Amino acid sequence: MVDSIPFFNSLPEDINNKIASLLQVRDLCALGCCSKFWKQLCFSDSIWQSLLTNRWPLLQSPLSPNLKTWRRLYFERHIDLGLRAVSVERFLKACSRNEALEVDDYLQAFEIVNDARFGFEDIQRFLFKPEMSVLVNLIGVHYCITNLGIPGDNLVEVLRTSEISNRHVCVKWWKLGRWIYGYRGRDELLFRWVSLADLATEENEFVLGVLRRGTVLEVLRVQISAVDHKSLPWSYQDNQ
């Protein structure tokens, strides 16, 4: 690596910056430890400012006067989002009863992710873990669609790579009974079994609509249940 320094010194600065910007963060840090030349390049503010803004495009005015470098801000934000993801998981676990979650609690957990301005990489890294509750995965899918605008095909592929695409949830909602001749009819229970991959398609947009709206107007209650794919009714599995 040391013998290559004269070669890279002869290249334009923008070319060297482009080479460094194509590396993963872990590789960039490793390369920066190889020599003074690479340390100066790989740990430069221009590189880390680009990495930060690309990873968190929703973040506004991210540089704090208390932080000296963009690299430090990058890693502090990475750690902070990891902790927020843990807080989401703990909150949902505390609110879930028999693997069922009320929509108000769900929306409160969603706001934790929304307020933190998670990026797509953060959702994949922190919320799309197969060992997590499917309710945590669901929030990640919901956020990717409504806040990040990730195309359905791209999202489905990421779900498959993360090995969570076939995980299912059951969304139930109770609608106010209709008034007929001065009498209110029986409240109506509706439900839908759906996989995370299915939620990424336009056909199931109405399910996310139910979750977004929560208990409004004629909807009295919305509940989300974690579902093991093996426990689904045989008739449902056969139709997939």
Protein backbone atom coordinates (compact mmCIF):
# COMPACT_ATOMS: atom_id res chain seq x y z
CA MET A 1 0.00 0.00 0.00
CA VAL A 2 2.87 2.40 0.83
CA ASP A 3 4.42 1.86 -2.63
CA SER A 4 1.15 2.99 -4.23
CA ILE A 5 1.19 6.40 -2.55
CA PRO A 6 3.21 8.17 -5.29
CA PHE A 7 0.73 6.89 -7.87
CA PHE A 8 -2.29 8.26 -5.98
CA ASN A 9 -0.45 11.51 -5.26
CA SER A 10 -0.21 12.03 -9.02
CA LEU A 11 -3.98 11.68 -9.47
CA PRO A 12 -6.31 14.70 -9.29
CA GLU A 13 -7.84 15.23 -5.86
CA ASP A 14 -11.37 14.70 -7.14
CA ILE A 15 -10.39 11.25 -8.49
CA ASN A 16 -8.94 10.20 -5.14
CA ASN A 17 -12.05 11.52 -3.41
CA LYS A 18 -14.22 9.52 -5.79
CA ILE A 19 -12.25 6.34 -5.02
CA ALA A 20 -12.65 6.90 -1.28
CA SER A 21 -16.35 7.76 -1.57
CA LEU A 22 -17.10 4.40 -3.24
CA LEU A 23 -15.90 2.44 -0.21
CA GLN A 24 -18.04 1.12 2.60
CA VAL A 25 -17.55 2.94 5.90
CA ARG A 26 -15.68 0.03 7.47
CA ASP A 27 -13.32 -0.21 4.48
CA LEU A 28 -12.85 3.55 4.42
CA CYS A 29 -11.77 3.57 8.07
CA ALA A 30 -9.41 0.64 7.47
CA LEU A 31 -7.83 2.37 4.48
CA GLY A 32 -7.41 5.56 6.50
CA CYS A 33 -5.21 3.66 8.95
CA CYS A 34 -2.74 2.55 6.25
CA SER A 35 -0.70 5.74 5.86
CA LYS A 36 -0.65 9.49 6.44
CA PHE A 37 -1.75 10.05 2.84
CA TRP A 38 -4.84 7.85 3.16
CA LYS A 39 -5.60 9.14 6.66
CA GLN A 40 -5.72 12.70 5.37
CA LEU A 41 -7.94 11.67 2.47
CA CYS A 42 -10.25 9.12 4.11
CA PHE A 43 -10.86 11.16 7.25
CA SER A 44 -11.42 14.45 5.44
CA ASP A 45 -14.59 16.41 6.16
CA SER A 46 -15.58 16.47 2.48
CA ILE A 47 -15.76 12.66 2.37
CA TRP A 48 -17.72 12.31 5.60
CA GLN A 49 -20.07 15.17 4.84
CA SER A 50 -20.99 13.38 1.62
CA LEU A 51 -21.44 10.07 3.46
CA LEU A 52 -23.66 11.69 6.07
CA THR A 53 -25.91 13.58 3.67
CA ASN A 54 -26.29 10.53 1.40
CA ARG A 55 -27.24 8.27 4.29
CA TRP A 56 -29.55 10.78 5.97
CA PRO A 57 -31.08 12.98 3.27
CA LEU A 58 -33.93 14.01 5.59
CA LEU A 59 -31.54 15.43 8.17
CA GLN A 60 -31.48 19.23 8.15
CA SER A 61 -28.51 21.36 9.30
CA PRO A 62 -26.81 18.34 10.89
CA LEU A 63 -23.51 19.91 11.95
CA SER A 64 -23.57 20.88 15.61
CA PRO A 65 -21.13 23.52 16.94
CA ASN A 66 -20.22 21.05 19.69
CA LEU A 67 -18.90 18.53 17.15
CA LYS A 68 -15.55 19.10 15.46
CA THR A 69 -15.78 16.83 12.43
CA TRP A 70 -18.36 15.31 10.11
CA ARG A 71 -16.86 11.89 10.79
CA ARG A 72 -17.57 12.21 14.51
CA LEU A 73 -21.11 13.38 13.77
CA TYR A 74 -21.61 10.41 11.45
CA PHE A 75 -20.68 7.85 14.10
CA GLU A 76 -22.55 9.61 16.91
CA ARG A 77 -25.69 9.64 14.78
CA HIS A 78 -25.19 5.99 13.84
CA ILE A 79 -24.96 5.04 17.52
CA ASP A 80 -27.94 7.22 18.43
CA LEU A 81 -30.18 5.60 15.81
CA GLY A 82 -29.15 2.16 16.99
CA LEU A 83 -30.25 3.10 20.51
CA ARG A 84 -33.53 4.53 19.21
CA ALA A 85 -34.21 1.27 17.37
CA VAL A 86 -33.69 -0.61 20.63
CA SER A 87 -36.10 1.77 22.36
CA VAL A 88 -38.72 1.08 19.67
CA GLU A 89 -38.35 -2.67 20.18
CA ARG A 90 -38.62 -2.37 23.97
CA PHE A 91 -41.62 -0.04 23.73
CA LEU A 92 -43.51 -2.43 21.44
CA LYS A 93 -42.67 -5.39 23.65
CA ALA A 94 -43.98 -3.55 26.71
CA CYS A 95 -47.20 -2.51 24.94
CA SER A 96 -47.92 -5.83 23.22
CA ARG A 97 -50.22 -8.21 25.00
CA ASN A 98 -50.35 -11.75 23.64
CA GLU A 99 -48.46 -10.48 20.59
CA ALA A 100 -51.24 -7.94 19.86
CA LEU A 101 -50.72 -4.19 19.67
CA GLU A 102 -53.22 -1.34 19.76
CA VAL A 103 -52.87 1.15 16.92
CA ASP A 104 -52.22 4.15 19.20
CA ASP A 105 -49.15 2.39 20.60
CA TYR A 106 -48.09 1.42 17.10
CA LEU A 107 -48.29 5.01 15.89
CA GLN A 108 -46.37 6.21 18.93
CA ALA A 109 -43.54 3.79 18.10
CA PHE A 110 -43.69 4.91 14.46
CA GLU A 111 -43.19 8.52 15.57
CA ILE A 112 -39.95 7.56 17.34
CA VAL A 113 -38.57 6.45 13.99
CA ASN A 114 -40.10 9.43 12.18
CA ASP A 115 -38.72 12.01 14.60
CA ALA A 116 -35.22 10.51 14.35
CA ARG A 117 -35.27 10.77 10.53
CA PHE A 118 -34.03 7.25 9.90
CA GLY A 119 -32.47 6.61 6.49
CA PHE A 120 -33.04 3.52 4.35
CA GLU A 121 -29.72 2.02 5.45
CA ASP A 122 -30.71 2.48 9.10
CA ILE A 123 -34.03 0.71 8.58
CA GLN A 124 -32.25 -2.24 6.98
CA ARG A 125 -29.55 -2.33 9.63
CA PHE A 126 -31.66 -1.77 12.75
CA LEU A 127 -35.32 -2.68 12.05
CA PHE A 128 -35.20 -5.43 9.41
CA LYS A 129 -33.62 -8.05 11.65
CA PRO A 130 -35.37 -11.46 11.49
CA GLU A 131 -34.78 -12.03 15.21
CA MET A 132 -36.87 -8.95 16.02
CA SER A 133 -40.63 -8.96 16.43
CA VAL A 134 -42.49 -8.70 13.13
CA LEU A 135 -44.16 -5.59 14.59
CA VAL A 136 -40.76 -3.85 14.55
CA ASN A 137 -40.25 -5.02 10.95
CA LEU A 138 -43.70 -3.66 10.09
CA ILE A 139 -42.82 -0.18 11.30
CA GLY A 140 -39.73 -0.28 9.10
CA VAL A 141 -41.79 -1.24 6.04
CA HIS A 142 -44.39 1.40 6.80
CA TYR A 143 -41.72 4.10 7.19
CA CYS A 144 -39.92 3.12 3.97
CA ILE A 145 -43.13 3.45 1.96
CA THR A 146 -44.68 6.58 3.45
CA ASN A 147 -41.62 8.61 4.49
CA LEU A 148 -38.75 7.48 2.26
CA GLY A 149 -40.77 6.65 -0.85
CA ILE A 150 -38.85 3.44 -1.54
CA PRO A 151 -40.23 1.74 -4.71
CA GLY A 152 -42.11 -1.48 -4.01
CA ASP A 153 -39.81 -3.74 -6.06
CA ASN A 154 -36.72 -2.39 -4.31
CA LEU A 155 -38.31 -2.80 -0.90
CA VAL A 156 -39.44 -6.37 -1.59
CA GLU A 157 -35.93 -7.32 -2.66
CA VAL A 158 -34.46 -5.88 0.55
CA LEU A 159 -37.06 -7.75 2.62
CA ARG A 160 -36.07 -10.98 0.91
CA THR A 161 -32.38 -10.31 1.48
CA SER A 162 -33.14 -9.61 5.15
CA GLU A 163 -35.11 -12.89 5.32
CA ILE A 164 -38.29 -11.26 6.60
CA SER A 165 -40.40 -10.98 3.43
CA ASN A 166 -42.63 -13.94 4.39
CA ARG A 167 -43.33 -12.76 7.91
CA HIS A 168 -47.01 -11.93 8.42
CA VAL A 169 -49.16 -9.63 10.50
CA CYS A 170 -52.89 -9.60 11.09
CA VAL A 171 -54.53 -6.17 11.04
CA LYS A 172 -58.01 -6.00 12.60
CA TRP A 173 -60.30 -3.02 12.72
CA TRP A 174 -63.75 -2.55 14.20
CA LYS A 175 -66.16 -0.28 12.35
CA LEU A 176 -69.11 1.46 13.94
CA GLY A 177 -72.41 -0.26 13.19
CA ARG A 178 -74.67 1.53 10.73
CA TRP A 179 -77.73 3.43 11.85
CA ILE A 180 -80.92 2.07 10.31
CA TYR A 181 -84.33 3.50 11.22
CA GLY A 182 -83.03 4.98 14.45
CA TYR A 183 -81.15 1.87 15.58
CA ARG A 184 -77.44 1.25 15.40
CA GLY A 185 -76.45 -2.10 14.02
CA ARG A 186 -73.79 -4.40 15.39
CA ASP A 187 -70.19 -3.20 15.10
CA GLU A 188 -68.36 -4.83 12.20
CA LEU A 189 -65.02 -6.62 12.58
CA LEU A 190 -62.75 -6.62 9.55
CA PHE A 191 -59.30 -8.16 9.32
CA ARG A 192 -56.54 -8.89 6.89
CA TRP A 193 -53.62 -11.34 7.01
CA VAL A 194 -50.75 -9.89 5.05
CA SER A 195 -47.04 -10.52 4.60
CA LEU A 196 -44.44 -7.77 4.80
CA ALA A 197 -43.65 -8.30 1.11
CA ASP A 198 -47.34 -7.88 0.24
CA LEU A 199 -47.46 -4.61 2.17
CA ALA A 200 -44.80 -3.23 -0.15
CA THR A 201 -47.17 -3.56 -3.12
CA GLU A 202 -49.83 -1.08 -4.15
CA GLU A 203 -52.56 -3.69 -3.81
CA ASN A 204 -52.24 -3.55 -0.03
CA GLU A 205 -52.03 0.21 0.30
CA PHE A 206 -55.40 0.23 2.09
CA VAL A 207 -53.92 -1.82 4.97
CA LEU A 208 -51.29 0.86 5.59
CA GLY A 209 -54.08 3.40 5.26
CA VAL A 210 -55.91 1.75 8.16
CA LEU A 211 -52.73 1.92 10.26
CA ARG A 212 -52.04 5.55 9.34
CA ARG A 213 -55.55 6.75 10.14
CA GLY A 214 -55.90 4.81 13.38
CA THR A 215 -59.16 5.22 15.28
CA VAL A 216 -60.98 7.97 13.41
CA LEU A 217 -64.54 8.56 12.32
CA GLU A 218 -66.32 5.18 12.12
CA VAL A 219 -63.30 3.08 13.09
CA LEU A 220 -63.55 2.29 16.79
CA ARG A 221 -60.44 0.18 17.24
CA VAL A 222 -57.43 -1.06 15.27
CA GLN A 223 -55.21 -3.88 16.45
CA ILE A 224 -52.10 -5.45 14.91
CA SER A 225 -51.07 -9.00 15.75
CA ALA A 226 -47.79 -10.78 15.16
CA VAL A 227 -48.35 -13.90 13.08
CA ASP A 228 -46.11 -16.91 12.57
CA HIS A 229 -46.39 -17.99 8.91
CA LYS A 230 -46.64 -21.64 10.02
CA SER A 231 -49.69 -20.83 12.14
CA LEU A 232 -51.71 -19.33 9.27
CA PRO A 233 -54.84 -21.20 8.19
CA TRP A 234 -54.08 -23.83 5.56
CA SER A 235 -56.58 -22.26 3.20
CA TYR A 236 -54.70 -18.96 3.43
CA GLN A 237 -51.29 -20.55 2.85
CA ASP A 238 -52.57 -22.47 -0.17
CA ASN A 239 -53.72 -19.26 -1.83
CA GLN A 240 -50.31 -17.55 -1.56
